[in-house]
Amino acid sequence: MKKRNILSRNPMLACLLFVCIVAITACEKFVDVPPPVTSTNAENVYVSDGTAIAVLTSIYSLMSADNSAIGSTTGSGLSGMTLYPGLSGDEFTLSEGAVTNTHNAYLYYKNKLASDLTGTKDFWVNAYAIIYYTNAAIEGLTDATKLTPAVRRQLLGEAHFLRAFSYFYLVNLYGDVPKVLSTNYSTSFNLPKSPKEEIYQLIIEDAKEAQTLLADNYLDATLLKTTIERVRPNKFAASALLARVYLYHNEWKNAEDQATMVIQNSAVYDTVGINNVFLKNSKETIWSLQPVTAGTLANTGDGRLFIPTSTVFPTSTNFVSLSPSLLAAFDLTDSRYKNWVKSITSAGITYYYPFKYKIGSVNVTAPSEYLMVLRLAEQYLIRAEARAKQSNFNGALTDLNVIRKRASLAESTATGEPAILTAIYQERQIEFFAEWGHRWLDLKRIGLIDMVMPSVALQKGTTWDPRWALYPIPSTDVLRDPNLIQNPGY
């Protein structure tokens, strides 16, 4: 059986994808990016549906390839948000003997990042590379007159969605960041940081624009037919992202409304059994990344990283286990503990590891799991928190208990805002462990990081500095841009 992916039916798209990936890889610094590659400039890309579609497809493929690299510990694109923020916070224990003290995983784990982080690209570089190419796509698509109108709308929506998605992680990892809205080198070379509030407004504007442009249904590679594959964002993916952004921005009513839009679309989205959540195209899926590699790399990088390949643990490729504090947060009757956590005993020591994805380094002809990016459970917990913040306690508990019931837990009977919010935060810690850095970002947004991390740092053999809640900006960018100021503590 041939491997099926987004590009499998179109060699022309595959060829252009290669050009785009090479170009993105070359753009390592957002302040020093070259003009668009000659072979992929607007004059010959945005004249046909196929080549225009390939520009956005290349970004999804790059993100998926970055996740594949996570399995061999050489990548840290946005799809590596599970590993490194999980190490920074209280989710993972690093088996230090399996890595050197200069390994990026070690530096994230010890909260000893430096601005000259080496060995792999960091989130800053990867996010701005995506932003550069979404800016190029928006510029090219805005004036494109030869594309099928529905294709052009969808591509513009995808570009705005991906730019919003990238800025969301930038602002939550780094704080104030430069706002780059153009591919024009002269306007981006000396940009200072924009305030966090300004970045959030941009994210909201982009996500709302995406919401108006994207199709209601999931579309295939032509963007003209519907598909069961949930690998390109649709209108409801934009709504899900907006719900999250509004929650982080303390806009409770807006967060509730956007989450409700997704939840009410029950013909497409629904909670599913614990062991079916992370199967490709499950009804829990709002948006996922499809693997783009073959053989033992045909599965998610998360699965290959976490699931041991032998009876020996740790190894140079499997060196992360779940932390004692995370394990202690589980009720042992929780179906998530029984099905999403597994253990291995090696040299008399028992290690626990994430088992949300069931397939690791296994040679397959067709993947059964895609990397989950946005899913329905988050929308229930977003709405629960937003409702609690608006004193709709019954509504908050109803949403919270949808997730608890799925986990075979008794319904929560918490009363009053503080107790209900505590129950929701507890549920988020369990539901989203080892998943896209949710815990690290939650600790910061709800003001718990400086309460939690001092004791966690001691367990890691280090001490906590509150300034380390933000990651460092790469020193090369700071040196090149006199208006760009390094984050405190670095």
Protein backbone atom coordinates (compact mmCIF):
# COMPACT_ATOMS: atom_id res chain seq x y z
CA MET A 1 0.00 0.00 0.00
CA LYS A 2 1.33 3.42 -0.88
CA LYS A 3 1.73 5.97 1.88
CA ARG A 4 -1.08 8.50 1.69
CA ASN A 5 -0.51 12.11 2.63
CA ILE A 6 -1.55 15.58 1.58
CA LEU A 7 0.81 15.65 -1.39
CA SER A 8 0.73 12.04 -2.48
CA ARG A 9 -1.40 12.61 -5.56
CA ASN A 10 0.47 15.60 -6.99
CA PRO A 11 4.19 15.47 -7.82
CA MET A 12 4.15 19.14 -8.76
CA LEU A 13 3.05 20.06 -5.24
CA ALA A 14 5.68 17.77 -3.77
CA CYS A 15 8.37 19.48 -5.82
CA LEU A 16 7.22 22.92 -4.78
CA LEU A 17 6.99 21.75 -1.17
CA PHE A 18 10.67 20.88 -1.27
CA VAL A 19 11.54 24.35 -2.53
CA CYS A 20 9.41 25.96 0.16
CA ILE A 21 10.88 23.86 2.97
CA VAL A 22 14.41 24.68 1.86
CA ALA A 23 13.49 28.34 1.76
CA ILE A 24 11.89 28.25 5.21
CA THR A 25 14.90 26.43 6.63
CA ALA A 26 17.14 29.14 5.23
CA CYS A 27 15.16 31.91 6.93
CA GLU A 28 16.56 31.31 10.39
CA LYS A 29 16.26 34.90 11.58
CA PHE A 30 13.13 36.92 11.05
CA VAL A 31 15.14 40.15 11.01
CA ASP A 32 17.41 38.87 8.25
CA VAL A 33 15.18 37.04 5.82
CA PRO A 34 15.82 36.98 2.09
CA PRO A 35 13.20 37.94 -0.46
CA PRO A 36 10.89 35.12 -1.55
CA VAL A 37 12.66 32.45 -3.56
CA THR A 38 12.52 33.23 -7.28
CA SER A 39 10.82 29.93 -8.13
CA THR A 40 8.08 30.55 -5.60
CA ASN A 41 7.41 34.26 -5.97
CA ALA A 42 3.94 35.67 -6.47
CA GLU A 43 4.28 35.94 -10.24
CA ASN A 44 4.39 32.19 -10.78
CA VAL A 45 2.90 30.76 -7.59
CA TYR A 46 -0.42 32.57 -7.38
CA VAL A 47 -1.47 31.93 -10.95
CA SER A 48 -2.79 28.41 -10.40
CA ASP A 49 -4.70 26.72 -7.61
CA GLY A 50 -2.19 23.88 -7.29
CA THR A 51 0.92 25.98 -6.77
CA ALA A 52 -0.86 28.41 -4.46
CA ILE A 53 -2.18 25.54 -2.33
CA ALA A 54 1.32 24.09 -2.10
CA VAL A 55 2.62 27.19 -0.32
CA LEU A 56 0.32 26.63 2.67
CA THR A 57 0.67 22.86 2.46
CA SER A 58 4.41 23.25 2.84
CA ILE A 59 3.92 24.91 6.23
CA TYR A 60 1.83 22.04 7.57
CA SER A 61 4.39 19.60 6.21
CA LEU A 62 7.23 21.51 7.85
CA MET A 63 5.43 21.52 11.19
CA SER A 64 4.83 17.80 10.91
CA ALA A 65 8.46 17.20 9.95
CA ASP A 66 9.52 19.17 13.02
CA ASN A 67 7.43 16.84 15.15
CA SER A 68 9.04 13.85 13.47
CA ALA A 69 12.40 15.30 14.46
CA ILE A 70 11.25 15.49 18.09
CA GLY A 71 11.34 11.71 18.12
CA SER A 72 15.08 11.87 17.52
CA THR A 73 15.46 14.97 19.73
CA THR A 74 16.74 17.17 16.92
CA GLY A 75 13.80 19.48 16.42
CA SER A 76 11.99 22.11 18.42
CA GLY A 77 9.51 23.64 16.02
CA LEU A 78 6.10 24.64 17.30
CA SER A 79 5.08 20.98 17.18
CA GLY A 80 7.80 20.38 19.79
CA MET A 81 5.76 22.33 22.34
CA THR A 82 5.04 19.13 24.23
CA LEU A 83 8.64 18.22 25.02
CA TYR A 84 10.49 21.39 25.95
CA PRO A 85 7.89 23.36 27.95
CA GLY A 86 7.02 20.06 29.64
CA LEU A 87 10.65 19.79 30.71
CA SER A 88 10.71 23.44 31.80
CA GLY A 89 7.74 22.90 34.08
CA ASP A 90 6.58 20.11 36.37
CA GLU A 91 5.41 17.45 33.90
CA PHE A 92 8.57 15.52 33.04
CA THR A 93 11.60 14.05 34.71
CA LEU A 94 14.72 13.98 32.56
CA SER A 95 17.00 10.98 32.90
CA GLU A 96 20.12 13.09 32.93
CA GLY A 97 22.54 10.26 32.32
CA ALA A 98 21.02 9.74 28.89
CA VAL A 99 21.88 13.24 27.68
CA THR A 100 24.81 15.60 28.11
CA ASN A 101 24.66 18.79 30.13
CA THR A 102 24.83 20.74 26.87
CA HIS A 103 21.84 18.96 25.35
CA ASN A 104 18.86 21.24 24.79
CA ALA A 105 16.60 18.93 26.79
CA TYR A 106 18.96 19.27 29.77
CA LEU A 107 18.97 23.08 29.51
CA TYR A 108 15.18 23.33 29.32
CA TYR A 109 14.84 20.89 32.23
CA LYS A 110 17.26 22.78 34.45
CA ASN A 111 15.75 26.13 33.42
CA LYS A 112 19.22 27.18 32.35
CA LEU A 113 18.54 28.33 28.82
CA ALA A 114 20.95 30.76 27.25
CA SER A 115 20.39 33.13 24.37
CA ASP A 116 22.94 31.22 22.30
CA LEU A 117 21.06 27.92 22.52
CA THR A 118 22.68 25.56 20.03
CA GLY A 119 22.05 22.15 18.54
CA THR A 120 18.57 22.85 17.22
CA LYS A 121 16.38 25.71 16.16
CA ASP A 122 14.31 27.25 18.91
CA PHE A 123 10.65 28.23 19.00
CA TRP A 124 11.44 31.86 18.15
CA VAL A 125 13.15 30.96 14.91
CA ASN A 126 10.53 28.45 13.85
CA ALA A 127 7.56 30.66 14.65
CA TYR A 128 8.96 33.64 12.77
CA ALA A 129 9.77 31.44 9.80
CA ILE A 130 6.09 30.44 9.66
CA ILE A 131 5.04 34.06 10.11
CA TYR A 132 7.31 35.15 7.27
CA TYR A 133 5.72 32.68 4.89
CA THR A 134 2.17 33.41 5.99
CA ASN A 135 2.90 37.10 5.42
CA ALA A 136 4.17 36.23 1.95
CA ALA A 137 1.06 34.17 1.30
CA ILE A 138 -1.27 36.96 2.45
CA GLU A 139 0.56 39.44 0.22
CA GLY A 140 0.47 37.13 -2.78
CA LEU A 141 -3.12 35.97 -2.32
CA THR A 142 -4.51 39.45 -1.75
CA ASP A 143 -3.76 40.43 -5.34
CA ALA A 144 -4.24 37.01 -6.93
CA THR A 145 -6.87 37.21 -9.66
CA LYS A 146 -6.38 33.89 -11.44
CA LEU A 147 -7.28 31.54 -8.59
CA THR A 148 -10.63 29.88 -8.04
CA PRO A 149 -12.37 32.29 -5.61
CA ALA A 150 -13.19 29.55 -3.07
CA VAL A 151 -9.56 28.37 -3.11
CA ARG A 152 -8.25 31.88 -2.65
CA ARG A 153 -10.58 32.48 0.32
CA GLN A 154 -9.60 29.24 1.99
CA LEU A 155 -5.87 29.88 1.54
CA LEU A 156 -6.15 33.40 2.91
CA GLY A 157 -8.03 31.97 5.89
CA GLU A 158 -5.35 29.35 6.46
CA ALA A 159 -2.60 31.97 6.29
CA HIS A 160 -4.31 34.20 8.87
CA PHE A 161 -5.01 31.18 11.06
CA LEU A 162 -1.37 30.00 11.00
CA ARG A 163 -0.08 33.50 11.70
CA ALA A 164 -2.41 33.80 14.70
CA PHE A 165 -1.40 30.33 15.90
CA SER A 166 2.30 31.20 15.67
CA TYR A 167 1.96 34.53 17.46
CA PHE A 168 -0.05 32.86 20.23
CA TYR A 169 2.92 30.68 21.15
CA LEU A 170 5.45 33.47 20.66
CA VAL A 171 3.69 35.83 23.05
CA ASN A 172 3.19 33.11 25.65
CA LEU A 173 6.76 31.84 25.49
CA TYR A 174 8.59 35.18 25.14
CA GLY A 175 6.23 37.94 26.30
CA ASP A 176 6.48 41.13 24.24
CA VAL A 177 7.66 40.29 20.70
CA PRO A 178 8.14 42.16 17.42
CA LYS A 179 5.04 42.39 15.26
CA VAL A 180 6.07 41.45 11.75
CA LEU A 181 3.32 41.88 9.17
CA SER A 182 5.32 42.13 5.98
CA THR A 183 8.02 40.36 4.01
CA ASN A 184 9.65 43.73 3.35
CA TYR A 185 13.15 43.52 4.83
CA SER A 186 13.40 47.27 5.36
CA THR A 187 10.35 47.30 7.63
CA SER A 188 11.27 44.24 9.69
CA PHE A 189 15.03 44.70 10.11
CA ASN A 190 15.01 47.03 13.13
CA LEU A 191 11.67 46.27 14.74
CA PRO A 192 11.38 46.68 18.52
CA LYS A 193 9.13 44.52 20.65
CA SER A 194 5.44 45.26 20.55
CA PRO A 195 3.54 45.12 23.85
CA LYS A 196 1.88 41.83 24.66
CA GLU A 197 -1.55 43.46 24.49
CA GLU A 198 -0.89 44.62 20.92
CA ILE A 199 0.15 41.11 19.90
CA TYR A 200 -3.01 39.67 21.41
CA GLN A 201 -5.11 42.11 19.40
CA LEU A 202 -3.32 40.98 16.23
CA ILE A 203 -3.95 37.32 17.12
CA ILE A 204 -7.64 38.02 17.66
CA GLU A 205 -7.93 39.98 14.41
CA ASP A 206 -6.19 37.22 12.46
CA ALA A 207 -8.27 34.45 14.00
CA LYS A 208 -11.51 36.35 13.36
CA GLU A 209 -10.46 36.97 9.77
CA ALA A 210 -9.67 33.27 9.40
CA GLN A 211 -13.08 32.44 10.82
CA THR A 212 -14.83 34.47 8.12
CA LEU A 213 -12.71 33.01 5.29
CA LEU A 214 -12.32 29.33 6.13
CA ALA A 215 -14.80 26.73 4.95
CA ASP A 216 -17.20 25.14 7.42
CA ASN A 217 -16.14 21.66 6.27
CA TYR A 218 -12.77 19.97 6.07
CA LEU A 219 -11.35 20.19 2.55
CA ASP A 220 -9.09 17.90 0.57
CA ALA A 221 -5.88 18.83 -1.22
CA THR A 222 -7.80 20.62 -4.00
CA LEU A 223 -9.70 22.77 -1.46
CA LEU A 224 -12.78 22.14 -3.60
CA LYS A 225 -14.02 18.85 -2.13
CA THR A 226 -14.80 17.79 1.41
CA THR A 227 -12.76 15.09 3.14
CA ILE A 228 -12.68 13.09 6.34
CA GLU A 229 -9.08 14.24 6.92
CA ARG A 230 -8.89 16.96 9.56
CA VAL A 231 -5.45 18.22 8.60
CA ARG A 232 -6.33 21.64 7.21
CA PRO A 233 -8.06 24.13 9.53
CA ASN A 234 -11.70 25.01 8.96
CA LYS A 235 -13.97 27.68 10.44
CA PHE A 236 -14.36 25.74 13.67
CA ALA A 237 -10.60 25.41 14.13
CA ALA A 238 -10.47 29.21 14.01
CA SER A 239 -13.28 29.34 16.58
CA ALA A 240 -11.40 26.91 18.82
CA LEU A 241 -8.25 29.02 18.60
CA LEU A 242 -10.27 32.17 19.29
CA ALA A 243 -11.84 30.55 22.36
CA ARG A 244 -8.39 29.79 23.73
CA VAL A 245 -7.05 33.27 22.97
CA TYR A 246 -10.06 34.95 24.58
CA LEU A 247 -9.60 32.77 27.67
CA TYR A 248 -5.96 33.80 27.94
CA HIS A 249 -7.02 37.42 27.39
CA ASN A 250 -9.65 37.24 30.17
CA GLU A 251 -12.54 37.88 27.77
CA TRP A 252 -14.84 35.37 29.40
CA LYS A 253 -18.04 35.92 27.41
CA ASN A 254 -16.19 35.80 24.10
CA ALA A 255 -14.36 32.65 25.16
CA GLU A 256 -17.64 31.00 26.11
CA ASP A 257 -19.32 32.00 22.84
CA GLN A 258 -16.51 30.69 20.65
CA ALA A 259 -16.25 27.40 22.53
CA THR A 260 -20.01 27.00 22.27
CA MET A 261 -19.85 27.35 18.48
CA VAL A 262 -17.56 24.34 18.35
CA ILE A 263 -19.33 22.25 20.99
CA GLN A 264 -22.74 22.74 19.40
CA ASN A 265 -21.51 21.34 16.09
CA SER A 266 -22.13 17.85 17.45
CA ALA A 267 -22.53 16.30 14.01
CA VAL A 268 -18.78 16.84 13.50
CA TYR A 269 -17.33 17.04 17.02
CA ASP A 270 -17.95 14.87 20.04
CA THR A 271 -16.07 13.33 22.92
CA VAL A 272 -14.95 9.77 22.23
CA GLY A 273 -13.62 6.90 24.31
CA ILE A 274 -10.28 7.44 26.02
CA ASN A 275 -8.39 5.12 23.69
CA ASN A 276 -9.90 6.65 20.56
CA VAL A 277 -9.11 10.31 21.23
CA PHE A 278 -5.76 10.37 19.45
CA LEU A 279 -6.69 8.19 16.51
CA LYS A 280 -6.51 10.10 13.24
CA ASN A 281 -9.67 11.99 12.39
CA SER A 282 -11.47 11.05 15.61
CA LYS A 283 -14.54 13.18 16.37
CA GLU A 284 -12.49 14.77 19.16
CA THR A 285 -10.14 16.23 16.54
CA ILE A 286 -10.55 19.86 15.55
CA TRP A 287 -7.19 20.15 13.80
CA SER A 288 -4.25 17.75 13.54
CA LEU A 289 -0.95 17.38 11.69
CA GLN A 290 -0.58 14.42 9.37
CA PRO A 291 2.78 12.59 9.38
CA VAL A 292 4.71 13.24 6.17
CA THR A 293 7.46 10.66 6.53
CA ALA A 294 7.53 6.89 6.04
CA GLY A 295 8.54 3.67 7.79
CA THR A 296 9.38 4.01 11.47
CA LEU A 297 9.02 7.79 11.06
CA ALA A 298 5.45 7.48 9.77
CA ASN A 299 4.02 7.99 13.25
CA THR A 300 3.99 10.96 15.60
CA GLY A 301 7.27 12.22 16.98
CA ASP A 302 5.60 12.38 20.40
CA GLY A 303 4.87 8.65 20.28
CA ARG A 304 8.42 7.80 19.26
CA LEU A 305 9.89 10.02 21.95
CA PHE A 306 7.82 8.76 24.86
CA ILE A 307 7.24 5.07 24.12
CA PRO A 308 10.35 2.98 24.94
CA THR A 309 11.79 1.02 22.06
CA SER A 310 13.20 -1.75 24.29
CA THR A 311 13.17 -3.05 27.84
CA VAL A 312 16.09 -0.74 28.63
CA PHE A 313 15.30 2.74 29.89
CA PRO A 314 16.51 5.46 29.58
CA THR A 315 18.25 5.60 26.21
CA SER A 316 19.56 8.38 24.01
CA THR A 317 16.18 8.51 22.24
CA ASN A 318 13.84 7.68 25.15
CA PHE A 319 14.92 9.76 28.13
CA VAL A 320 11.78 11.49 29.41
CA SER A 321 9.37 10.11 32.01
CA LEU A 322 6.44 11.57 33.92
CA SER A 323 7.30 13.52 37.05
CA PRO A 324 6.26 12.41 40.54
CA SER A 325 4.16 15.57 40.96
CA LEU A 326 2.18 14.86 37.81
CA LEU A 327 1.62 11.23 38.78
CA ALA A 328 0.44 12.35 42.21
CA ALA A 329 -2.21 14.56 40.60
CA PHE A 330 -4.05 11.53 39.17
CA ASP A 331 -6.87 9.68 40.84
CA LEU A 332 -5.83 6.05 40.33
CA THR A 333 -9.38 5.19 39.22
CA ASP A 334 -9.09 7.74 36.41
CA SER A 335 -9.39 6.09 33.00
CA ARG A 336 -6.72 8.49 31.75
CA TYR A 337 -4.27 7.11 34.28
CA LYS A 338 -5.13 3.57 33.28
CA ASN A 339 -4.95 4.18 29.54
CA TRP A 340 -2.76 7.27 28.93
CA VAL A 341 0.02 6.31 31.37
CA LYS A 342 2.26 3.26 31.05
CA SER A 343 5.33 2.11 32.94
CA ILE A 344 8.58 0.30 32.30
CA THR A 345 10.92 -1.19 34.91
CA SER A 346 14.59 -1.10 34.06
CA ALA A 347 17.49 -1.90 36.40
CA GLY A 348 15.01 -2.14 39.27
CA ILE A 349 13.54 1.35 38.72
CA THR A 350 10.01 1.92 37.46
CA TYR A 351 9.48 4.80 35.04
CA TYR A 352 6.10 6.10 33.90
CA TYR A 353 5.63 7.57 30.44
CA PRO A 354 2.84 9.16 28.36
CA PHE A 355 0.81 6.68 26.35
CA LYS A 356 -1.73 8.96 24.66
CA TYR A 357 -0.24 7.93 21.34
CA LYS A 358 0.02 4.15 21.18
CA ILE A 359 2.52 3.83 18.32
CA GLY A 360 6.21 4.60 18.68
CA SER A 361 9.12 3.57 16.47
CA VAL A 362 7.18 1.02 14.47
CA ASN A 363 7.41 0.54 10.73
CA VAL A 364 3.94 1.13 9.29
CA THR A 365 2.61 1.62 5.79
CA ALA A 366 -0.22 3.91 6.88
CA PRO A 367 -0.35 5.84 10.17
CA SER A 368 -3.34 5.39 12.45
CA GLU A 369 -2.48 8.42 14.58
CA TYR A 370 -1.97 12.07 13.67
CA LEU A 371 -0.46 14.72 15.94
CA MET A 372 -3.41 16.31 17.74
CA VAL A 373 -3.23 20.11 17.81
CA LEU A 374 -6.72 21.30 18.75
CA ARG A 375 -9.37 19.03 20.28
CA LEU A 376 -12.85 19.21 21.71
CA ALA A 377 -12.03 18.51 25.37
CA GLU A 378 -10.19 21.82 25.53
CA GLN A 379 -13.33 23.64 24.39
CA TYR A 380 -15.35 22.13 27.25
CA LEU A 381 -12.76 23.17 29.80
CA ILE A 382 -12.39 26.63 28.25
CA ARG A 383 -16.13 27.11 28.49
CA ALA A 384 -16.21 25.73 32.04
CA GLU A 385 -13.58 28.25 33.16
CA ALA A 386 -15.21 31.13 31.29
CA ARG A 387 -18.58 30.29 32.82
CA ALA A 388 -17.11 30.07 36.32
CA LYS A 389 -15.55 33.49 35.83
CA GLN A 390 -19.03 34.81 34.98
CA SER A 391 -20.57 33.14 38.07
CA ASN A 392 -22.43 30.56 35.96
CA PHE A 393 -21.39 27.80 38.34
CA ASN A 394 -23.93 25.22 37.24
CA GLY A 395 -22.90 25.64 33.62
CA ALA A 396 -19.23 25.43 34.58
CA LEU A 397 -19.79 22.17 36.48
CA THR A 398 -21.81 20.71 33.62
CA ASP A 399 -18.90 21.24 31.22
CA LEU A 400 -16.31 20.08 33.73
CA ASN A 401 -18.25 16.90 34.37
CA VAL A 402 -18.41 16.03 30.67
CA ILE A 403 -14.66 15.51 30.87
CA ARG A 404 -14.75 13.81 34.26
CA LYS A 405 -17.46 11.40 33.14
CA ARG A 406 -15.39 10.43 30.10
CA ALA A 407 -12.54 9.67 32.53
CA SER A 408 -14.84 7.46 34.70
CA LEU A 409 -14.68 9.90 37.61
CA ALA A 410 -17.47 11.03 39.90
CA GLU A 411 -19.06 14.35 39.07
CA SER A 412 -17.52 17.37 40.74
CA THR A 413 -19.72 19.03 43.35
CA ALA A 414 -17.41 21.98 44.01
CA THR A 415 -19.17 25.14 45.13
CA GLY A 416 -18.14 28.75 44.68
CA GLU A 417 -15.76 30.25 42.15
CA PRO A 418 -12.41 29.45 43.85
CA ALA A 419 -13.24 25.77 44.38
CA ILE A 420 -14.69 25.32 40.90
CA LEU A 421 -11.72 27.02 39.26
CA THR A 422 -9.34 24.83 41.27
CA ALA A 423 -11.22 21.77 40.02
CA ILE A 424 -11.01 23.01 36.44
CA TYR A 425 -7.27 23.71 36.68
CA GLN A 426 -6.77 20.24 38.15
CA GLU A 427 -8.70 18.76 35.25
CA ARG A 428 -6.64 20.70 32.73
CA GLN A 429 -3.42 19.41 34.29
CA ILE A 430 -4.59 15.81 33.90
CA GLU A 431 -6.42 16.07 30.58
CA PHE A 432 -3.65 17.92 28.75
CA PHE A 433 -0.50 16.45 30.27
CA ALA A 434 2.25 15.89 27.71
CA GLU A 435 0.32 17.91 25.16
CA TRP A 436 1.41 21.17 23.49
CA GLY A 437 2.79 22.83 26.62
CA HIS A 438 -0.65 23.42 28.15
CA ARG A 439 0.62 22.98 31.69
CA TRP A 440 3.57 25.39 31.31
CA LEU A 441 1.33 28.07 29.80
CA ASP A 442 -1.39 27.50 32.41
CA LEU A 443 1.05 27.91 35.28
CA LYS A 444 1.95 31.32 33.89
CA ARG A 445 -1.48 32.61 32.90
CA ILE A 446 -3.18 31.74 36.23
CA GLY A 447 -0.28 33.05 38.32
CA LEU A 448 0.90 29.77 39.82
CA ILE A 449 4.33 29.45 38.29
CA ASP A 450 6.24 31.12 41.13
CA MET A 451 4.35 29.02 43.66
CA VAL A 452 4.95 25.71 41.90
CA MET A 453 8.40 26.01 40.39
CA PRO A 454 10.63 26.66 43.45
CA SER A 455 9.98 23.19 44.87
CA VAL A 456 10.02 21.61 41.41
CA ALA A 457 13.39 23.23 40.70
CA LEU A 458 14.80 21.76 43.90
CA GLN A 459 13.70 18.31 42.76
CA LYS A 460 15.58 18.95 39.52
CA GLY A 461 18.70 19.93 41.43
CA THR A 462 18.52 23.63 40.67
CA THR A 463 16.86 26.84 41.88
CA TRP A 464 14.06 28.87 40.34
CA ASP A 465 14.34 32.42 39.05
CA PRO A 466 10.97 34.04 38.21
CA ARG A 467 12.54 35.66 35.16
CA TRP A 468 12.86 32.21 33.57
CA ALA A 469 9.11 32.05 32.98
CA LEU A 470 10.00 33.67 29.65
CA TYR A 471 12.43 32.05 27.24
CA PRO A 472 15.47 33.94 25.90
CA ILE A 473 15.49 35.59 22.50
CA PRO A 474 18.28 34.20 20.29
CA SER A 475 21.39 36.33 20.77
CA THR A 476 22.00 36.57 17.03
CA ASP A 477 18.70 38.40 16.58
CA VAL A 478 19.43 40.73 19.49
CA LEU A 479 22.85 41.57 18.04
CA ARG A 480 21.44 42.23 14.57
CA ASP A 481 18.55 44.40 15.72
CA PRO A 482 19.60 47.34 17.91
CA ASN A 483 15.95 47.90 18.88
CA LEU A 484 15.39 44.35 20.11
CA ILE A 485 15.93 44.00 23.86
CA GLN A 486 16.74 40.61 25.43
CA ASN A 487 14.34 39.23 28.01
CA PRO A 488 15.46 39.82 31.63
CA GLY A 489 17.54 37.08 33.20
CA TYR A 490 19.56 36.22 30.11
